[in-house]
Amino acid sequence: MSIVKALKGTIEHVVITDVEDNTFFAKIEIESPGGSVGVDSRVSDAIVLATLMKVPIYTEEAVFDWAAKHPKPDLSKPAALLIVWPIKRPPPEATSDLSN
């Protein structure tokens, strides 16, 4: 939250951007007087912030593609790892400048 305060901004949304070697990546999109800024974040932190701030959580197409190719974990086993599956697809304008 100190970055948000330093930018005098507000969190607009979170985007789960990619999965690589079973590691998820995310960006927190902050709207500030100077414009929109994407800040790299751990997915767990981004989801917590989005939930607390009641802002949308979006998912890039690459994450949907990955999820479709990988089986969901067996949650009946105590040692199963819980993976947060995509929440919804972002509108095109939400991710158009994330590659910059």
N, C-alpha and C. Protein backbone atom coordinates (compact mmCIF):
# COMPACT_ATOMS: atom_id res chain seq x y z
N MET A 1 0.82 -1.20 0.00
CA MET A 1 0.00 0.00 0.00
C MET A 1 0.87 1.26 0.00
N SER A 2 2.13 1.17 0.42
CA SER A 2 2.98 2.36 0.43
C SER A 2 3.23 2.87 -0.98
N ILE A 3 3.28 1.97 -1.97
CA ILE A 3 3.46 2.40 -3.36
C ILE A 3 2.24 3.19 -3.82
N VAL A 4 1.06 2.69 -3.45
CA VAL A 4 -0.18 3.38 -3.82
C VAL A 4 -0.21 4.77 -3.21
N LYS A 5 0.16 4.87 -1.95
CA LYS A 5 0.19 6.17 -1.27
C LYS A 5 1.23 7.09 -1.90
N ALA A 6 2.41 6.54 -2.22
CA ALA A 6 3.47 7.36 -2.82
C ALA A 6 3.04 7.92 -4.17
N LEU A 7 2.25 7.14 -4.90
CA LEU A 7 1.77 7.59 -6.21
C LEU A 7 0.50 8.44 -6.10
N LYS A 8 -0.01 8.57 -4.87
CA LYS A 8 -1.28 9.27 -4.63
C LYS A 8 -2.36 8.69 -5.53
N GLY A 9 -2.38 7.35 -5.57
CA GLY A 9 -3.30 6.67 -6.47
C GLY A 9 -4.28 5.77 -5.78
N THR A 10 -5.03 5.06 -6.61
CA THR A 10 -5.98 4.06 -6.13
C THR A 10 -5.78 2.79 -6.95
N ILE A 11 -6.03 1.65 -6.31
CA ILE A 11 -5.95 0.38 -7.02
C ILE A 11 -7.19 0.23 -7.87
N GLU A 12 -7.00 0.05 -9.18
CA GLU A 12 -8.11 -0.08 -10.11
C GLU A 12 -8.53 -1.53 -10.30
N HIS A 13 -7.54 -2.41 -10.47
CA HIS A 13 -7.81 -3.83 -10.62
C HIS A 13 -6.50 -4.60 -10.53
N VAL A 14 -6.63 -5.92 -10.49
CA VAL A 14 -5.50 -6.82 -10.46
C VAL A 14 -5.60 -7.73 -11.69
N VAL A 15 -4.46 -8.06 -12.29
CA VAL A 15 -4.46 -8.98 -13.42
C VAL A 15 -3.48 -10.11 -13.13
N ILE A 16 -3.98 -11.35 -13.18
CA ILE A 16 -3.10 -12.51 -13.12
C ILE A 16 -2.58 -12.67 -14.54
N THR A 17 -1.29 -12.39 -14.73
CA THR A 17 -0.75 -12.19 -16.07
C THR A 17 -0.18 -13.42 -16.75
N ASP A 18 0.37 -14.36 -15.98
CA ASP A 18 1.05 -15.48 -16.63
C ASP A 18 1.30 -16.60 -15.62
N VAL A 19 1.65 -17.77 -16.16
CA VAL A 19 2.10 -18.91 -15.38
C VAL A 19 3.35 -19.44 -16.06
N GLU A 20 4.40 -19.61 -15.28
CA GLU A 20 5.64 -20.15 -15.83
C GLU A 20 6.24 -21.10 -14.79
N ASP A 21 6.49 -22.34 -15.19
CA ASP A 21 7.00 -23.37 -14.27
C ASP A 21 6.14 -23.48 -13.01
N ASN A 22 4.83 -23.48 -13.21
CA ASN A 22 3.84 -23.58 -12.13
C ASN A 22 3.87 -22.41 -11.16
N THR A 23 4.45 -21.30 -11.57
CA THR A 23 4.46 -20.08 -10.76
C THR A 23 3.59 -19.04 -11.46
N PHE A 24 2.63 -18.51 -10.71
CA PHE A 24 1.73 -17.49 -11.25
C PHE A 24 2.33 -16.11 -11.05
N PHE A 25 2.03 -15.21 -11.99
CA PHE A 25 2.51 -13.83 -11.93
C PHE A 25 1.31 -12.89 -11.99
N ALA A 26 1.44 -11.73 -11.33
CA ALA A 26 0.33 -10.78 -11.32
C ALA A 26 0.84 -9.35 -11.38
N LYS A 27 -0.07 -8.45 -11.75
CA LYS A 27 0.18 -7.01 -11.71
C LYS A 27 -0.97 -6.35 -10.98
N ILE A 28 -0.62 -5.34 -10.21
CA ILE A 28 -1.62 -4.49 -9.56
C ILE A 28 -1.65 -3.21 -10.36
N GLU A 29 -2.80 -2.89 -10.90
CA GLU A 29 -2.94 -1.67 -11.70
C GLU A 29 -3.37 -0.52 -10.81
N ILE A 30 -2.54 0.52 -10.78
CA ILE A 30 -2.78 1.68 -9.93
C ILE A 30 -3.04 2.89 -10.82
N GLU A 31 -4.13 3.57 -10.55
CA GLU A 31 -4.44 4.81 -11.27
C GLU A 31 -3.98 5.96 -10.38
N SER A 32 -3.11 6.81 -10.94
CA SER A 32 -2.58 7.95 -10.19
C SER A 32 -2.75 9.21 -11.02
N PRO A 33 -2.51 10.38 -10.41
CA PRO A 33 -2.60 11.62 -11.18
C PRO A 33 -1.68 11.62 -12.40
N GLY A 34 -0.57 10.87 -12.34
CA GLY A 34 0.37 10.81 -13.46
C GLY A 34 0.01 9.76 -14.50
N GLY A 35 -1.05 9.00 -14.27
CA GLY A 35 -1.47 7.96 -15.21
C GLY A 35 -1.53 6.60 -14.57
N SER A 36 -1.77 5.61 -15.38
CA SER A 36 -1.90 4.23 -14.90
C SER A 36 -0.53 3.58 -14.78
N VAL A 37 -0.32 2.84 -13.69
CA VAL A 37 0.95 2.17 -13.44
C VAL A 37 0.66 0.72 -13.08
N GLY A 38 1.36 -0.20 -13.72
CA GLY A 38 1.26 -1.62 -13.38
C GLY A 38 2.43 -2.02 -12.51
N VAL A 39 2.14 -2.57 -11.33
CA VAL A 39 3.18 -2.96 -10.39
C VAL A 39 3.19 -4.48 -10.27
N ASP A 40 4.34 -5.12 -10.55
CA ASP A 40 4.45 -6.56 -10.40
C ASP A 40 4.22 -6.94 -8.95
N SER A 41 3.58 -8.10 -8.76
CA SER A 41 3.22 -8.53 -7.42
C SER A 41 3.15 -10.04 -7.35
N ARG A 42 3.32 -10.58 -6.13
CA ARG A 42 2.99 -11.99 -5.93
C ARG A 42 1.49 -12.11 -6.08
N VAL A 43 1.03 -13.20 -6.67
CA VAL A 43 -0.39 -13.39 -6.89
C VAL A 43 -1.16 -13.36 -5.57
N SER A 44 -0.61 -13.99 -4.55
CA SER A 44 -1.31 -14.03 -3.26
C SER A 44 -1.53 -12.62 -2.71
N ASP A 45 -0.53 -11.76 -2.81
CA ASP A 45 -0.66 -10.38 -2.33
C ASP A 45 -1.67 -9.60 -3.18
N ALA A 46 -1.61 -9.81 -4.49
CA ALA A 46 -2.52 -9.10 -5.39
C ALA A 46 -3.97 -9.48 -5.11
N ILE A 47 -4.22 -10.76 -4.89
CA ILE A 47 -5.59 -11.22 -4.61
C ILE A 47 -6.08 -10.66 -3.28
N VAL A 48 -5.22 -10.66 -2.27
CA VAL A 48 -5.62 -10.10 -0.97
C VAL A 48 -5.95 -8.62 -1.12
N LEU A 49 -5.09 -7.86 -1.79
CA LEU A 49 -5.36 -6.43 -1.98
C LEU A 49 -6.66 -6.19 -2.75
N ALA A 50 -6.86 -6.95 -3.82
CA ALA A 50 -8.09 -6.78 -4.61
C ALA A 50 -9.32 -7.09 -3.78
N THR A 51 -9.23 -8.12 -2.96
CA THR A 51 -10.36 -8.49 -2.11
C THR A 51 -10.63 -7.41 -1.06
N LEU A 52 -9.59 -6.93 -0.43
CA LEU A 52 -9.75 -5.88 0.59
C LEU A 52 -10.27 -4.57 -0.01
N MET A 53 -9.78 -4.24 -1.21
CA MET A 53 -10.16 -2.98 -1.85
C MET A 53 -11.42 -3.11 -2.70
N LYS A 54 -11.92 -4.35 -2.83
CA LYS A 54 -13.14 -4.63 -3.60
C LYS A 54 -13.02 -4.15 -5.05
N VAL A 55 -11.88 -4.54 -5.67
CA VAL A 55 -11.65 -4.22 -7.08
C VAL A 55 -11.61 -5.52 -7.87
N PRO A 56 -11.85 -5.45 -9.19
CA PRO A 56 -11.87 -6.67 -10.01
C PRO A 56 -10.53 -7.38 -10.07
N ILE A 57 -10.61 -8.70 -10.23
CA ILE A 57 -9.44 -9.54 -10.49
C ILE A 57 -9.64 -10.13 -11.88
N TYR A 58 -8.72 -9.83 -12.80
CA TYR A 58 -8.79 -10.32 -14.16
C TYR A 58 -7.70 -11.36 -14.40
N THR A 59 -7.85 -12.12 -15.45
CA THR A 59 -6.89 -13.15 -15.80
C THR A 59 -6.58 -13.09 -17.29
N GLU A 60 -5.29 -13.11 -17.62
CA GLU A 60 -4.88 -13.12 -19.03
C GLU A 60 -5.24 -14.46 -19.68
N GLU A 61 -5.39 -14.44 -20.98
CA GLU A 61 -5.73 -15.64 -21.76
C GLU A 61 -4.71 -16.76 -21.54
N ALA A 62 -3.44 -16.43 -21.40
CA ALA A 62 -2.40 -17.44 -21.20
C ALA A 62 -2.64 -18.27 -19.94
N VAL A 63 -3.19 -17.65 -18.91
CA VAL A 63 -3.48 -18.36 -17.67
C VAL A 63 -4.65 -19.32 -17.88
N PHE A 64 -5.67 -18.89 -18.63
CA PHE A 64 -6.78 -19.79 -18.97
C PHE A 64 -6.26 -20.98 -19.77
N ASP A 65 -5.38 -20.72 -20.73
CA ASP A 65 -4.82 -21.80 -21.55
C ASP A 65 -4.07 -22.80 -20.67
N TRP A 66 -3.27 -22.30 -19.75
CA TRP A 66 -2.52 -23.17 -18.83
C TRP A 66 -3.48 -24.00 -17.99
N ALA A 67 -4.50 -23.36 -17.43
CA ALA A 67 -5.45 -24.06 -16.56
C ALA A 67 -6.20 -25.16 -17.32
N ALA A 68 -6.47 -24.92 -18.59
CA ALA A 68 -7.20 -25.91 -19.39
C ALA A 68 -6.35 -27.16 -19.64
N LYS A 69 -5.03 -27.00 -19.63
CA LYS A 69 -4.13 -28.12 -19.92
C LYS A 69 -3.67 -28.87 -18.67
N HIS A 70 -3.96 -28.35 -17.49
CA HIS A 70 -3.48 -28.95 -16.25
C HIS A 70 -4.67 -29.40 -15.40
N PRO A 71 -4.57 -30.60 -14.88
CA PRO A 71 -5.68 -31.08 -14.04
C PRO A 71 -5.77 -30.29 -12.75
N LYS A 72 -6.98 -30.15 -12.27
CA LYS A 72 -7.18 -29.47 -10.99
C LYS A 72 -6.68 -30.39 -9.87
N PRO A 73 -6.21 -29.82 -8.77
CA PRO A 73 -5.66 -30.65 -7.69
C PRO A 73 -6.75 -31.47 -7.01
N ASP A 74 -6.36 -32.60 -6.46
CA ASP A 74 -7.27 -33.45 -5.69
C ASP A 74 -7.34 -32.88 -4.27
N LEU A 75 -8.39 -32.14 -3.99
CA LEU A 75 -8.51 -31.47 -2.69
C LEU A 75 -8.95 -32.42 -1.58
N SER A 76 -9.20 -33.69 -1.93
CA SER A 76 -9.56 -34.65 -0.89
C SER A 76 -8.33 -35.12 -0.12
N LYS A 77 -7.14 -34.88 -0.69
CA LYS A 77 -5.90 -35.26 -0.02
C LYS A 77 -5.41 -34.09 0.82
N PRO A 78 -5.03 -34.33 2.08
CA PRO A 78 -4.62 -33.23 2.97
C PRO A 78 -3.44 -32.41 2.47
N ALA A 79 -2.52 -33.02 1.71
CA ALA A 79 -1.33 -32.30 1.27
C ALA A 79 -1.52 -31.60 -0.07
N ALA A 80 -2.73 -31.58 -0.58
CA ALA A 80 -2.97 -30.96 -1.89
C ALA A 80 -2.70 -29.45 -1.83
N LEU A 81 -2.14 -28.94 -2.89
CA LEU A 81 -1.89 -27.51 -3.01
C LEU A 81 -3.12 -26.85 -3.62
N LEU A 82 -3.63 -25.83 -2.98
CA LEU A 82 -4.79 -25.12 -3.50
C LEU A 82 -4.32 -24.08 -4.51
N ILE A 83 -4.85 -24.16 -5.71
CA ILE A 83 -4.52 -23.19 -6.76
C ILE A 83 -5.75 -22.34 -7.00
N VAL A 84 -5.57 -21.03 -7.05
CA VAL A 84 -6.68 -20.13 -7.35
C VAL A 84 -6.87 -20.14 -8.85
N TRP A 85 -8.03 -20.59 -9.30
CA TRP A 85 -8.33 -20.67 -10.73
C TRP A 85 -8.83 -19.33 -11.22
N PRO A 86 -8.72 -19.06 -12.49
CA PRO A 86 -9.10 -17.76 -13.05
C PRO A 86 -10.51 -17.33 -12.64
N ILE A 87 -10.65 -16.07 -12.37
CA ILE A 87 -11.92 -15.53 -11.92
C ILE A 87 -12.76 -15.07 -13.11
N LYS A 88 -12.20 -14.24 -13.96
CA LYS A 88 -12.90 -13.83 -15.16
C LYS A 88 -11.91 -13.22 -16.14
N ARG A 89 -12.30 -13.15 -17.38
CA ARG A 89 -11.43 -12.60 -18.41
C ARG A 89 -11.44 -11.07 -18.35
N PRO A 90 -10.27 -10.46 -18.59
CA PRO A 90 -10.24 -8.99 -18.56
C PRO A 90 -10.81 -8.40 -19.83
N PRO A 91 -11.39 -7.22 -19.72
CA PRO A 91 -11.77 -6.53 -20.95
C PRO A 91 -10.49 -6.14 -21.70
N PRO A 92 -10.53 -6.01 -23.02
CA PRO A 92 -9.31 -5.70 -23.79
C PRO A 92 -8.56 -4.47 -23.28
N GLU A 93 -9.29 -3.45 -22.85
CA GLU A 93 -8.61 -2.23 -22.40
C GLU A 93 -7.85 -2.43 -21.08
N ALA A 94 -8.19 -3.47 -20.32
CA ALA A 94 -7.52 -3.71 -19.04
C ALA A 94 -6.12 -4.25 -19.23
N THR A 95 -5.83 -4.91 -20.31
CA THR A 95 -4.52 -5.53 -20.50
C THR A 95 -3.77 -5.02 -21.71
N SER A 96 -4.30 -4.08 -22.43
CA SER A 96 -3.68 -3.65 -23.68
C SER A 96 -2.29 -3.05 -23.48
N ASP A 97 -2.02 -2.46 -22.31
CA ASP A 97 -0.71 -1.83 -22.12
C ASP A 97 0.15 -2.57 -21.11
N LEU A 98 -0.19 -3.80 -20.73
CA LEU A 98 0.59 -4.52 -19.74
C LEU A 98 1.93 -5.00 -20.27
N SER A 99 2.06 -5.15 -21.56
CA SER A 99 3.33 -5.63 -22.12
C SER A 99 4.37 -4.53 -22.23
N ASN A 100 3.99 -3.31 -21.94
CA ASN A 100 4.95 -2.19 -22.03
C ASN A 100 5.76 -2.05 -20.78
